[in-house]
Amino acid sequence: MSGNHEKHQSRTKRHGHAFFNCATLLISVGALGVSSLTYSSSDHLTNLQIDQIKSVINNTPSGTITSLANNTVLPHLQKPFAVWARIRHVPINGDIWLIVHQSFDAIKNNDPDRYYPTPAVYKGHSSYEFMNVFVGTFRDDQAKTYGVGLYFCDSVTNASLEAVVQHPHLRNIGMSFLSPGCQSMDSISVTRKGPN
């Protein structure tokens, strides 16, 4: 046990400058949002500081939509379909959602901003499925582009989103705004073709 500890300390000292420079860079650009780390007088991070950085990383969700590419074009009569994503570091105080955003369109029938949420189903190995996702509607009379976003939403927002998806009428009309309790992890554009 002590031998392993000494090896770890030796590796830490040997790579101390790399750890220090990496952490300094990340903190200086605000990527971790950690401002309270205190450095020792030596040239490497302490185990406590490394643990603090790891804790922030492990509680900062990151993810990518894997089954749809940006600028995907769907047929006009596209039925609801499944979307897949790979997500890591999901905190326990919320959940993952796929949210389709219909942007305001003053030209096309004054379409308002609307948000259509779909909850995630965990499939193992950082893989998540979103079932019965509908991007646009067959009632669209011309091609229209929608935003498709991958979000981590906190527990308060999560409760309101669940209420929407459990009520067919609310799910059909969508939400008029997206809560600030939702943190974007990935976003793509998807176009649904018009009837012609």
C-alpha atoms as a PDB file:
ATOM      1  CA  MET A   1       0.000   0.000   0.000  1.00  0.00           C
ATOM      2  CA  SER A   2       2.748   2.439   0.974  1.00  0.00           C
ATOM      3  CA  GLY A   3       4.641   1.488  -2.203  1.00  0.00           C
ATOM      4  CA  ASN A   4       1.660   2.425  -4.350  1.00  0.00           C
ATOM      5  CA  HIS A   5       1.281   5.690  -2.459  1.00  0.00           C
ATOM      6  CA  GLU A   6       4.961   6.529  -3.028  1.00  0.00           C
ATOM      7  CA  LYS A   7       4.613   5.721  -6.735  1.00  0.00           C
ATOM      8  CA  HIS A   8       1.569   8.006  -6.926  1.00  0.00           C
ATOM      9  CA  GLN A   9       3.460  10.798  -5.165  1.00  0.00           C
ATOM     10  CA  SER A  10       6.404  10.286  -7.512  1.00  0.00           C
ATOM     11  CA  ARG A  11       4.138  10.498 -10.581  1.00  0.00           C
ATOM     12  CA  THR A  12       2.455  13.582  -9.138  1.00  0.00           C
ATOM     13  CA  LYS A  13       5.806  15.296  -8.589  1.00  0.00           C
ATOM     14  CA  ARG A  14       7.101  14.251 -12.007  1.00  0.00           C
ATOM     15  CA  HIS A  15       3.990  15.633 -13.745  1.00  0.00           C
ATOM     16  CA  GLY A  16       3.367  18.443 -11.303  1.00  0.00           C
ATOM     17  CA  HIS A  17       3.946  21.224 -13.793  1.00  0.00           C
ATOM     18  CA  ALA A  18       1.504  19.654 -16.270  1.00  0.00           C
ATOM     19  CA  PHE A  19      -1.205  19.354 -13.602  1.00  0.00           C
ATOM     20  CA  PHE A  20      -0.595  22.912 -12.440  1.00  0.00           C
ATOM     21  CA  ASN A  21      -0.651  24.415 -15.935  1.00  0.00           C
ATOM     22  CA  CYS A  22      -3.755  22.443 -16.969  1.00  0.00           C
ATOM     23  CA  ALA A  23      -5.694  23.443 -13.856  1.00  0.00           C
ATOM     24  CA  THR A  24      -4.599  27.067 -14.169  1.00  0.00           C
ATOM     25  CA  LEU A  25      -5.775  27.183 -17.784  1.00  0.00           C
ATOM     26  CA  LEU A  26      -9.148  25.585 -17.028  1.00  0.00           C
ATOM     27  CA  ILE A  27      -9.831  27.825 -14.067  1.00  0.00           C
ATOM     28  CA  SER A  28      -8.645  30.984 -15.842  1.00  0.00           C
ATOM     29  CA  VAL A  29     -11.188  30.543 -18.633  1.00  0.00           C
ATOM     30  CA  GLY A  30     -13.933  29.681 -16.176  1.00  0.00           C
ATOM     31  CA  ALA A  31     -14.481  26.213 -17.635  1.00  0.00           C
ATOM     32  CA  LEU A  32     -14.829  24.662 -14.205  1.00  0.00           C
ATOM     33  CA  GLY A  33     -16.415  27.539 -12.355  1.00  0.00           C
ATOM     34  CA  VAL A  34     -14.116  26.940  -9.401  1.00  0.00           C
ATOM     35  CA  SER A  35     -12.688  30.078  -7.838  1.00  0.00           C
ATOM     36  CA  SER A  36     -11.941  28.886  -4.330  1.00  0.00           C
ATOM     37  CA  LEU A  37      -9.012  26.543  -4.956  1.00  0.00           C
ATOM     38  CA  THR A  38      -5.921  27.451  -2.954  1.00  0.00           C
ATOM     39  CA  TYR A  39      -2.535  26.424  -4.276  1.00  0.00           C
ATOM     40  CA  SER A  40       0.296  25.245  -2.090  1.00  0.00           C
ATOM     41  CA  SER A  41       3.722  26.813  -2.329  1.00  0.00           C
ATOM     42  CA  SER A  42       5.022  23.779  -4.245  1.00  0.00           C
ATOM     43  CA  ASP A  43       4.851  23.488  -8.027  1.00  0.00           C
ATOM     44  CA  HIS A  44       2.058  20.878  -8.170  1.00  0.00           C
ATOM     45  CA  LEU A  45      -1.538  20.454  -7.105  1.00  0.00           C
ATOM     46  CA  THR A  46      -2.302  18.800  -3.810  1.00  0.00           C
ATOM     47  CA  ASN A  47      -4.492  15.711  -3.670  1.00  0.00           C
ATOM     48  CA  LEU A  48      -7.299  17.850  -2.230  1.00  0.00           C
ATOM     49  CA  GLN A  49      -7.102  20.262  -5.162  1.00  0.00           C
ATOM     50  CA  ILE A  50      -7.099  17.395  -7.669  1.00  0.00           C
ATOM     51  CA  ASP A  51     -10.128  15.889  -5.906  1.00  0.00           C
ATOM     52  CA  GLN A  52     -11.916  19.269  -6.072  1.00  0.00           C
ATOM     53  CA  ILE A  53     -11.318  19.496  -9.822  1.00  0.00           C
ATOM     54  CA  LYS A  54     -12.469  15.913 -10.367  1.00  0.00           C
ATOM     55  CA  SER A  55     -15.599  16.604  -8.307  1.00  0.00           C
ATOM     56  CA  VAL A  56     -16.524  19.595 -10.479  1.00  0.00           C
ATOM     57  CA  ILE A  57     -15.905  17.609 -13.682  1.00  0.00           C
ATOM     58  CA  ASN A  58     -17.931  14.641 -12.416  1.00  0.00           C
ATOM     59  CA  ASN A  59     -20.871  16.916 -11.594  1.00  0.00           C
ATOM     60  CA  THR A  60     -20.835  18.833 -14.882  1.00  0.00           C
ATOM     61  CA  PRO A  61     -22.961  16.915 -17.404  1.00  0.00           C
ATOM     62  CA  SER A  62     -21.716  16.634 -20.968  1.00  0.00           C
ATOM     63  CA  GLY A  63     -23.386  14.930 -23.885  1.00  0.00           C
ATOM     64  CA  THR A  64     -23.826  14.601 -27.626  1.00  0.00           C
ATOM     65  CA  ILE A  65     -26.787  13.713 -29.818  1.00  0.00           C
ATOM     66  CA  THR A  66     -25.509  10.656 -31.691  1.00  0.00           C
ATOM     67  CA  SER A  67     -28.345   9.498 -33.971  1.00  0.00           C
ATOM     68  CA  LEU A  68     -29.053  12.801 -35.739  1.00  0.00           C
ATOM     69  CA  ALA A  69     -26.510  14.965 -37.529  1.00  0.00           C
ATOM     70  CA  ASN A  70     -26.675  18.738 -37.630  1.00  0.00           C
ATOM     71  CA  ASN A  71     -28.735  19.987 -40.611  1.00  0.00           C
ATOM     72  CA  THR A  72     -30.606  16.692 -40.979  1.00  0.00           C
ATOM     73  CA  VAL A  73     -33.574  16.956 -43.382  1.00  0.00           C
ATOM     74  CA  LEU A  74     -36.682  14.912 -42.550  1.00  0.00           C
ATOM     75  CA  PRO A  75     -39.474  14.025 -44.989  1.00  0.00           C
ATOM     76  CA  HIS A  76     -42.736  15.906 -44.706  1.00  0.00           C
ATOM     77  CA  LEU A  77     -44.616  12.834 -43.442  1.00  0.00           C
ATOM     78  CA  GLN A  78     -41.949  11.840 -40.885  1.00  0.00           C
ATOM     79  CA  LYS A  79     -43.506   9.904 -38.019  1.00  0.00           C
ATOM     80  CA  PRO A  80     -42.280  10.183 -34.412  1.00  0.00           C
ATOM     81  CA  PHE A  81     -38.899   8.502 -34.025  1.00  0.00           C
ATOM     82  CA  ALA A  82     -36.257   7.662 -31.441  1.00  0.00           C
ATOM     83  CA  VAL A  83     -33.229   9.867 -30.850  1.00  0.00           C
ATOM     84  CA  TRP A  84     -30.088   8.604 -29.138  1.00  0.00           C
ATOM     85  CA  ALA A  85     -27.444  10.456 -27.149  1.00  0.00           C
ATOM     86  CA  ARG A  86     -24.282   9.696 -25.206  1.00  0.00           C
ATOM     87  CA  ILE A  87     -24.093  11.537 -21.894  1.00  0.00           C
ATOM     88  CA  ARG A  88     -21.557  11.522 -19.062  1.00  0.00           C
ATOM     89  CA  HIS A  89     -21.416  12.913 -15.520  1.00  0.00           C
ATOM     90  CA  VAL A  90     -25.153  13.219 -14.841  1.00  0.00           C
ATOM     91  CA  PRO A  91     -25.746  14.827 -11.414  1.00  0.00           C
ATOM     92  CA  ILE A  92     -28.367  13.282  -9.127  1.00  0.00           C
ATOM     93  CA  ASN A  93     -30.356  16.516  -8.736  1.00  0.00           C
ATOM     94  CA  GLY A  94     -32.053  16.502 -12.143  1.00  0.00           C
ATOM     95  CA  ASP A  95     -32.562  14.603 -15.375  1.00  0.00           C
ATOM     96  CA  ILE A  96     -31.796  14.548 -19.091  1.00  0.00           C
ATOM     97  CA  TRP A  97     -34.224  15.889 -21.708  1.00  0.00           C
ATOM     98  CA  LEU A  98     -34.357  16.311 -25.464  1.00  0.00           C
ATOM     99  CA  ILE A  99     -36.203  19.511 -26.311  1.00  0.00           C
ATOM    100  CA  VAL A 100     -37.389  20.471 -29.797  1.00  0.00           C
ATOM    101  CA  HIS A 101     -37.577  24.245 -30.274  1.00  0.00           C
ATOM    102  CA  GLN A 102     -39.938  25.848 -32.762  1.00  0.00           C
ATOM    103  CA  SER A 103     -38.606  29.372 -33.279  1.00  0.00           C
ATOM    104  CA  PHE A 104     -40.854  32.410 -33.634  1.00  0.00           C
ATOM    105  CA  ASP A 105     -41.697  32.998 -37.284  1.00  0.00           C
ATOM    106  CA  ALA A 106     -43.426  36.271 -38.152  1.00  0.00           C
ATOM    107  CA  ILE A 107     -43.750  35.310 -41.818  1.00  0.00           C
ATOM    108  CA  LYS A 108     -45.182  31.823 -41.448  1.00  0.00           C
ATOM    109  CA  ASN A 109     -48.536  32.150 -39.651  1.00  0.00           C
ATOM    110  CA  ASN A 110     -46.918  34.000 -36.745  1.00  0.00           C
ATOM    111  CA  ASP A 111     -45.627  30.721 -35.318  1.00  0.00           C
ATOM    112  CA  PRO A 112     -44.712  31.407 -31.684  1.00  0.00           C
ATOM    113  CA  ASP A 113     -41.680  30.181 -29.769  1.00  0.00           C
ATOM    114  CA  ARG A 114     -42.598  26.712 -28.489  1.00  0.00           C
ATOM    115  CA  TYR A 115     -40.593  24.012 -26.706  1.00  0.00           C
ATOM    116  CA  TYR A 116     -41.459  20.302 -26.884  1.00  0.00           C
ATOM    117  CA  PRO A 117     -39.731  18.131 -24.238  1.00  0.00           C
ATOM    118  CA  THR A 118     -39.058  14.385 -24.343  1.00  0.00           C
ATOM    119  CA  PRO A 119     -37.631  12.551 -21.307  1.00  0.00           C
ATOM    120  CA  ALA A 120     -34.590  10.290 -21.476  1.00  0.00           C
ATOM    121  CA  VAL A 121     -34.504   6.546 -20.916  1.00  0.00           C
ATOM    122  CA  TYR A 122     -31.121   5.299 -19.696  1.00  0.00           C
ATOM    123  CA  LYS A 123     -29.905   2.305 -21.714  1.00  0.00           C
ATOM    124  CA  GLY A 124     -26.568   1.713 -20.006  1.00  0.00           C
ATOM    125  CA  HIS A 125     -22.955   2.619 -20.806  1.00  0.00           C
ATOM    126  CA  SER A 126     -23.696   6.391 -20.957  1.00  0.00           C
ATOM    127  CA  SER A 127     -26.311   5.774 -23.670  1.00  0.00           C
ATOM    128  CA  TYR A 128     -29.767   7.418 -23.522  1.00  0.00           C
ATOM    129  CA  GLU A 129     -32.835   7.044 -25.733  1.00  0.00           C
ATOM    130  CA  PHE A 130     -35.590   9.595 -26.317  1.00  0.00           C
ATOM    131  CA  MET A 131     -38.689   7.868 -27.667  1.00  0.00           C
ATOM    132  CA  ASN A 132     -41.454   9.233 -29.915  1.00  0.00           C
ATOM    133  CA  VAL A 133     -39.710  12.508 -30.756  1.00  0.00           C
ATOM    134  CA  PHE A 134     -41.707  14.643 -33.157  1.00  0.00           C
ATOM    135  CA  VAL A 135     -39.825  17.383 -35.035  1.00  0.00           C
ATOM    136  CA  GLY A 136     -42.455  19.611 -36.622  1.00  0.00           C
ATOM    137  CA  THR A 137     -45.801  18.362 -37.855  1.00  0.00           C
ATOM    138  CA  PHE A 138     -47.365  17.084 -41.074  1.00  0.00           C
ATOM    139  CA  ARG A 139     -49.511  20.235 -40.897  1.00  0.00           C
ATOM    140  CA  ASP A 140     -46.433  22.347 -41.756  1.00  0.00           C
ATOM    141  CA  ASP A 141     -47.238  23.797 -45.179  1.00  0.00           C
ATOM    142  CA  GLN A 142     -43.613  24.492 -46.066  1.00  0.00           C
ATOM    143  CA  ALA A 143     -40.129  23.431 -44.996  1.00  0.00           C
ATOM    144  CA  LYS A 144     -39.307  24.570 -41.477  1.00  0.00           C
ATOM    145  CA  THR A 145     -36.136  24.281 -39.393  1.00  0.00           C
ATOM    146  CA  TYR A 146     -36.251  23.368 -35.716  1.00  0.00           C
ATOM    147  CA  GLY A 147     -33.654  23.367 -32.979  1.00  0.00           C
ATOM    148  CA  VAL A 148     -33.125  20.011 -31.268  1.00  0.00           C
ATOM    149  CA  GLY A 149     -31.334  20.390 -27.958  1.00  0.00           C
ATOM    150  CA  LEU A 150     -29.921  18.030 -25.360  1.00  0.00           C
ATOM    151  CA  TYR A 151     -30.376  19.395 -21.834  1.00  0.00           C
ATOM    152  CA  PHE A 152     -29.722  18.614 -18.196  1.00  0.00           C
ATOM    153  CA  CYS A 153     -32.597  20.116 -16.178  1.00  0.00           C
ATOM    154  CA  ASP A 154     -32.540  20.537 -12.406  1.00  0.00           C
ATOM    155  CA  SER A 155     -35.052  18.799 -10.143  1.00  0.00           C
ATOM    156  CA  VAL A 156     -37.462  21.768  -9.947  1.00  0.00           C
ATOM    157  CA  THR A 157     -37.577  22.187 -13.725  1.00  0.00           C
ATOM    158  CA  ASN A 158     -37.670  18.425 -14.146  1.00  0.00           C
ATOM    159  CA  ALA A 159     -40.979  18.282 -12.237  1.00  0.00           C
ATOM    160  CA  SER A 160     -42.590  20.885 -14.511  1.00  0.00           C
ATOM    161  CA  LEU A 161     -41.358  19.104 -17.660  1.00  0.00           C
ATOM    162  CA  GLU A 162     -42.757  15.798 -16.419  1.00  0.00           C
ATOM    163  CA  ALA A 163     -46.136  17.469 -15.875  1.00  0.00           C
ATOM    164  CA  VAL A 164     -46.104  18.618 -19.521  1.00  0.00           C
ATOM    165  CA  VAL A 165     -45.271  15.215 -21.028  1.00  0.00           C
ATOM    166  CA  GLN A 166     -47.851  13.427 -18.878  1.00  0.00           C
ATOM    167  CA  HIS A 167     -50.663  15.671 -20.161  1.00  0.00           C
ATOM    168  CA  PRO A 168     -51.403  14.981 -23.870  1.00  0.00           C
ATOM    169  CA  HIS A 169     -52.820  18.455 -24.550  1.00  0.00           C
ATOM    170  CA  LEU A 170     -49.862  20.249 -22.951  1.00  0.00           C
ATOM    171  CA  ARG A 171     -47.391  18.018 -24.760  1.00  0.00           C
ATOM    172  CA  ASN A 172     -49.132  18.771 -28.054  1.00  0.00           C
ATOM    173  CA  ILE A 173     -49.033  22.565 -27.672  1.00  0.00           C
ATOM    174  CA  GLY A 174     -45.586  22.676 -26.060  1.00  0.00           C
ATOM    175  CA  MET A 175     -44.201  25.230 -23.615  1.00  0.00           C
ATOM    176  CA  SER A 176     -43.899  28.947 -24.291  1.00  0.00           C
ATOM    177  CA  PHE A 177     -40.468  29.246 -22.658  1.00  0.00           C
ATOM    178  CA  LEU A 178     -37.566  27.140 -21.460  1.00  0.00           C
ATOM    179  CA  SER A 179     -36.668  27.361 -17.794  1.00  0.00           C
ATOM    180  CA  PRO A 180     -33.208  28.676 -16.834  1.00  0.00           C
ATOM    181  CA  GLY A 181     -32.956  25.468 -14.803  1.00  0.00           C
ATOM    182  CA  CYS A 182     -32.072  23.650 -18.042  1.00  0.00           C
ATOM    183  CA  GLN A 183     -28.418  23.522 -19.060  1.00  0.00           C
ATOM    184  CA  SER A 184     -27.631  22.909 -22.743  1.00  0.00           C
ATOM    185  CA  MET A 185     -25.183  20.123 -23.592  1.00  0.00           C
ATOM    186  CA  ASP A 186     -25.672  19.856 -27.353  1.00  0.00           C
ATOM    187  CA  SER A 187     -27.839  21.460 -30.030  1.00  0.00           C
ATOM    188  CA  ILE A 188     -28.455  20.774 -33.705  1.00  0.00           C
ATOM    189  CA  SER A 189     -30.753  22.038 -36.462  1.00  0.00           C
ATOM    190  CA  VAL A 190     -33.243  19.710 -38.138  1.00  0.00           C
ATOM    191  CA  THR A 191     -35.433  20.677 -41.082  1.00  0.00           C
ATOM    192  CA  ARG A 192     -38.794  19.101 -41.859  1.00  0.00           C
ATOM    193  CA  LYS A 193     -39.731  19.293 -45.528  1.00  0.00           C
ATOM    194  CA  GLY A 194     -42.945  20.897 -46.704  1.00  0.00           C
ATOM    195  CA  PRO A 195     -45.627  18.968 -48.636  1.00  0.00           C
ATOM    196  CA  ASN A 196     -44.156  19.815 -52.067  1.00  0.00           C
END
